[in-house]
């Protein structure tokens, strides 16, 4: 039954996402924990585990990649009652963690663009129906 199935289909977007998460996964998870707590760290780990067995970037993986980028890019920071704002307030702008977060944000930006997404005027990426069909 599976003798004729091609399990070695190359998907460049999937390969790029895997490379990013596998090469920088520890730093991404650590940054997510600093900016969004345990739930954000768990999302990074869950996304990496799904990427490991995925045959393509599906809607759930794409949603997680966008959410991780949104967290790293501090797009939800600003509301004084927001959890992320409280966590971010403890950072010193010159700390090494801030530099790491900036580098990771740029890597995620490049990844999402390579998948075919373009940010809106606020720099936020959105899932488009074209990519999830």
C-alpha atoms as a PDB file:
ATOM      1  CA  UNK A   1       0.000   0.000   0.000  1.00  0.00           C
ATOM      2  CA  UNK A   2       2.750   2.472   0.898  1.00  0.00           C
ATOM      3  CA  UNK A   3       5.305   1.129  -1.579  1.00  0.00           C
ATOM      4  CA  UNK A   4       4.576   3.804  -4.151  1.00  0.00           C
ATOM      5  CA  UNK A   5       4.130   6.706  -1.749  1.00  0.00           C
ATOM      6  CA  UNK A   6       6.797   9.389  -1.934  1.00  0.00           C
ATOM      7  CA  UNK A   7       7.710  10.277   1.634  1.00  0.00           C
ATOM      8  CA  UNK A   8      10.701  12.408   0.617  1.00  0.00           C
ATOM      9  CA  UNK A   9       8.744  15.342  -0.739  1.00  0.00           C
ATOM     10  CA  UNK A  10      10.867  18.466  -0.337  1.00  0.00           C
ATOM     11  CA  UNK A  11       9.077  21.516   0.947  1.00  0.00           C
ATOM     12  CA  UNK A  12      11.483  24.435   1.237  1.00  0.00           C
ATOM     13  CA  UNK A  13       9.220  26.347   3.647  1.00  0.00           C
ATOM     14  CA  UNK A  14       8.970  23.321   5.921  1.00  0.00           C
ATOM     15  CA  UNK A  15      12.732  22.800   5.758  1.00  0.00           C
ATOM     16  CA  UNK A  16      13.330  26.470   6.630  1.00  0.00           C
ATOM     17  CA  UNK A  17      10.933  26.302   9.587  1.00  0.00           C
ATOM     18  CA  UNK A  18      12.537  23.093  10.851  1.00  0.00           C
ATOM     19  CA  UNK A  19      16.006  24.580  10.533  1.00  0.00           C
ATOM     20  CA  UNK A  20      15.012  27.693  12.453  1.00  0.00           C
ATOM     21  CA  UNK A  21      13.368  25.789  15.294  1.00  0.00           C
ATOM     22  CA  UNK A  22      16.014  23.082  15.482  1.00  0.00           C
ATOM     23  CA  UNK A  23      19.020  25.428  15.241  1.00  0.00           C
ATOM     24  CA  UNK A  24      17.632  28.106  17.565  1.00  0.00           C
ATOM     25  CA  UNK A  25      14.948  26.222  19.471  1.00  0.00           C
ATOM     26  CA  UNK A  26      16.502  26.610  22.901  1.00  0.00           C
ATOM     27  CA  UNK A  27      16.941  30.370  22.455  1.00  0.00           C
ATOM     28  CA  UNK A  28      13.438  30.724  21.009  1.00  0.00           C
ATOM     29  CA  UNK A  29      11.880  28.792  23.906  1.00  0.00           C
ATOM     30  CA  UNK A  30      13.891  30.785  26.426  1.00  0.00           C
ATOM     31  CA  UNK A  31      12.889  34.098  24.819  1.00  0.00           C
ATOM     32  CA  UNK A  32       9.251  32.989  24.705  1.00  0.00           C
ATOM     33  CA  UNK A  33       9.374  32.114  28.404  1.00  0.00           C
ATOM     34  CA  UNK A  34      10.850  35.525  29.225  1.00  0.00           C
ATOM     35  CA  UNK A  35       8.264  37.403  27.155  1.00  0.00           C
ATOM     36  CA  UNK A  36       5.158  35.244  27.544  1.00  0.00           C
ATOM     37  CA  UNK A  37       5.688  32.858  30.423  1.00  0.00           C
ATOM     38  CA  UNK A  38       5.324  29.088  30.497  1.00  0.00           C
ATOM     39  CA  UNK A  39       2.424  29.017  28.023  1.00  0.00           C
ATOM     40  CA  UNK A  40       4.497  30.767  25.356  1.00  0.00           C
ATOM     41  CA  UNK A  41       7.429  28.435  25.978  1.00  0.00           C
ATOM     42  CA  UNK A  42       5.096  25.435  25.651  1.00  0.00           C
ATOM     43  CA  UNK A  43       3.812  26.787  22.330  1.00  0.00           C
ATOM     44  CA  UNK A  44       7.366  26.901  20.949  1.00  0.00           C
ATOM     45  CA  UNK A  45       8.050  23.332  22.070  1.00  0.00           C
ATOM     46  CA  UNK A  46       4.737  22.099  20.687  1.00  0.00           C
ATOM     47  CA  UNK A  47       5.376  23.796  17.343  1.00  0.00           C
ATOM     48  CA  UNK A  48       8.863  22.261  17.120  1.00  0.00           C
ATOM     49  CA  UNK A  49       7.476  18.800  17.850  1.00  0.00           C
ATOM     50  CA  UNK A  50       4.798  19.186  15.156  1.00  0.00           C
ATOM     51  CA  UNK A  51       7.393  20.416  12.655  1.00  0.00           C
ATOM     52  CA  UNK A  52       9.467  17.318  13.305  1.00  0.00           C
ATOM     53  CA  UNK A  53       6.764  15.014  11.918  1.00  0.00           C
ATOM     54  CA  UNK A  54       4.978  17.371   9.512  1.00  0.00           C
ATOM     55  CA  UNK A  55       4.883  16.819   5.771  1.00  0.00           C
ATOM     56  CA  UNK A  56       3.903  20.437   5.125  1.00  0.00           C
ATOM     57  CA  UNK A  57       3.252  23.656   7.009  1.00  0.00           C
ATOM     58  CA  UNK A  58      -0.390  23.352   7.953  1.00  0.00           C
ATOM     59  CA  UNK A  59      -2.687  26.015   9.395  1.00  0.00           C
ATOM     60  CA  UNK A  60      -1.868  25.134  13.021  1.00  0.00           C
ATOM     61  CA  UNK A  61       1.897  25.301  12.488  1.00  0.00           C
ATOM     62  CA  UNK A  62       1.519  28.563  10.583  1.00  0.00           C
ATOM     63  CA  UNK A  63      -0.651  30.009  13.353  1.00  0.00           C
ATOM     64  CA  UNK A  64       1.993  29.064  15.926  1.00  0.00           C
ATOM     65  CA  UNK A  65       4.852  30.506  13.871  1.00  0.00           C
ATOM     66  CA  UNK A  66       2.945  33.783  13.523  1.00  0.00           C
ATOM     67  CA  UNK A  67       2.133  33.826  17.256  1.00  0.00           C
ATOM     68  CA  UNK A  68       5.783  33.242  18.159  1.00  0.00           C
ATOM     69  CA  UNK A  69       6.853  36.053  15.823  1.00  0.00           C
ATOM     70  CA  UNK A  70       4.183  38.308  17.320  1.00  0.00           C
ATOM     71  CA  UNK A  71       5.514  37.589  20.821  1.00  0.00           C
ATOM     72  CA  UNK A  72       9.164  38.139  19.867  1.00  0.00           C
ATOM     73  CA  UNK A  73       8.300  41.343  17.972  1.00  0.00           C
ATOM     74  CA  UNK A  74       6.543  42.684  21.085  1.00  0.00           C
ATOM     75  CA  UNK A  75       3.379  43.349  19.116  1.00  0.00           C
ATOM     76  CA  UNK A  76       1.199  42.803  22.177  1.00  0.00           C
ATOM     77  CA  UNK A  77       3.309  44.891  24.552  1.00  0.00           C
ATOM     78  CA  UNK A  78       1.821  48.234  25.487  1.00  0.00           C
ATOM     79  CA  UNK A  79      -1.343  47.503  27.411  1.00  0.00           C
ATOM     80  CA  UNK A  80      -0.379  48.050  31.072  1.00  0.00           C
ATOM     81  CA  UNK A  81      -2.730  45.265  32.163  1.00  0.00           C
ATOM     82  CA  UNK A  82      -1.278  42.757  29.701  1.00  0.00           C
ATOM     83  CA  UNK A  83       0.861  39.880  31.007  1.00  0.00           C
ATOM     84  CA  UNK A  84       3.492  40.368  28.279  1.00  0.00           C
ATOM     85  CA  UNK A  85       3.844  44.057  29.161  1.00  0.00           C
ATOM     86  CA  UNK A  86       4.537  43.191  32.795  1.00  0.00           C
ATOM     87  CA  UNK A  87       7.195  40.661  31.805  1.00  0.00           C
ATOM     88  CA  UNK A  88       8.810  43.004  29.279  1.00  0.00           C
ATOM     89  CA  UNK A  89       8.984  45.862  31.783  1.00  0.00           C
ATOM     90  CA  UNK A  90      11.696  43.968  33.665  1.00  0.00           C
ATOM     91  CA  UNK A  91      14.153  44.013  30.743  1.00  0.00           C
ATOM     92  CA  UNK A  92      17.069  46.403  30.443  1.00  0.00           C
ATOM     93  CA  UNK A  93      17.439  47.570  26.817  1.00  0.00           C
ATOM     94  CA  UNK A  94      21.159  46.718  26.822  1.00  0.00           C
ATOM     95  CA  UNK A  95      20.731  43.190  28.173  1.00  0.00           C
ATOM     96  CA  UNK A  96      22.004  40.272  26.071  1.00  0.00           C
ATOM     97  CA  UNK A  97      18.501  38.799  26.086  1.00  0.00           C
ATOM     98  CA  UNK A  98      17.173  41.819  24.189  1.00  0.00           C
ATOM     99  CA  UNK A  99      19.827  41.375  21.484  1.00  0.00           C
ATOM    100  CA  UNK A 100      18.963  37.673  21.187  1.00  0.00           C
ATOM    101  CA  UNK A 101      15.253  38.465  20.930  1.00  0.00           C
ATOM    102  CA  UNK A 102      15.951  41.004  18.157  1.00  0.00           C
ATOM    103  CA  UNK A 103      17.987  38.461  16.168  1.00  0.00           C
ATOM    104  CA  UNK A 104      15.303  35.786  16.613  1.00  0.00           C
ATOM    105  CA  UNK A 105      12.597  38.239  15.538  1.00  0.00           C
ATOM    106  CA  UNK A 106      14.511  38.964  12.341  1.00  0.00           C
ATOM    107  CA  UNK A 107      14.919  35.226  11.670  1.00  0.00           C
ATOM    108  CA  UNK A 108      11.167  34.666  12.150  1.00  0.00           C
ATOM    109  CA  UNK A 109      10.414  37.642   9.910  1.00  0.00           C
ATOM    110  CA  UNK A 110      12.582  36.116   7.175  1.00  0.00           C
ATOM    111  CA  UNK A 111      10.934  32.712   7.654  1.00  0.00           C
ATOM    112  CA  UNK A 112       7.390  34.069   7.396  1.00  0.00           C
ATOM    113  CA  UNK A 113       8.311  36.041   4.277  1.00  0.00           C
ATOM    114  CA  UNK A 114       9.866  32.910   2.732  1.00  0.00           C
ATOM    115  CA  UNK A 115       6.581  31.090   3.364  1.00  0.00           C
ATOM    116  CA  UNK A 116       4.829  33.778   1.332  1.00  0.00           C
ATOM    117  CA  UNK A 117       3.415  36.051   4.013  1.00  0.00           C
ATOM    118  CA  UNK A 118       3.791  39.810   4.009  1.00  0.00           C
ATOM    119  CA  UNK A 119       3.332  41.949   7.112  1.00  0.00           C
ATOM    120  CA  UNK A 120       0.584  44.540   7.310  1.00  0.00           C
ATOM    121  CA  UNK A 121       1.288  48.218   7.985  1.00  0.00           C
ATOM    122  CA  UNK A 122       1.846  47.452  11.684  1.00  0.00           C
ATOM    123  CA  UNK A 123       4.375  44.725  10.908  1.00  0.00           C
ATOM    124  CA  UNK A 124       1.990  41.921  11.879  1.00  0.00           C
ATOM    125  CA  UNK A 125       1.664  38.786   9.780  1.00  0.00           C
ATOM    126  CA  UNK A 126      -1.746  37.211   9.105  1.00  0.00           C
ATOM    127  CA  UNK A 127      -2.754  33.796   7.829  1.00  0.00           C
ATOM    128  CA  UNK A 128      -4.140  34.045   4.320  1.00  0.00           C
ATOM    129  CA  UNK A 129      -6.549  31.573   2.785  1.00  0.00           C
ATOM    130  CA  UNK A 130      -4.220  31.167  -0.182  1.00  0.00           C
ATOM    131  CA  UNK A 131      -1.541  29.637   2.040  1.00  0.00           C
ATOM    132  CA  UNK A 132      -3.839  27.297   3.921  1.00  0.00           C
ATOM    133  CA  UNK A 133      -5.827  25.872   1.030  1.00  0.00           C
END
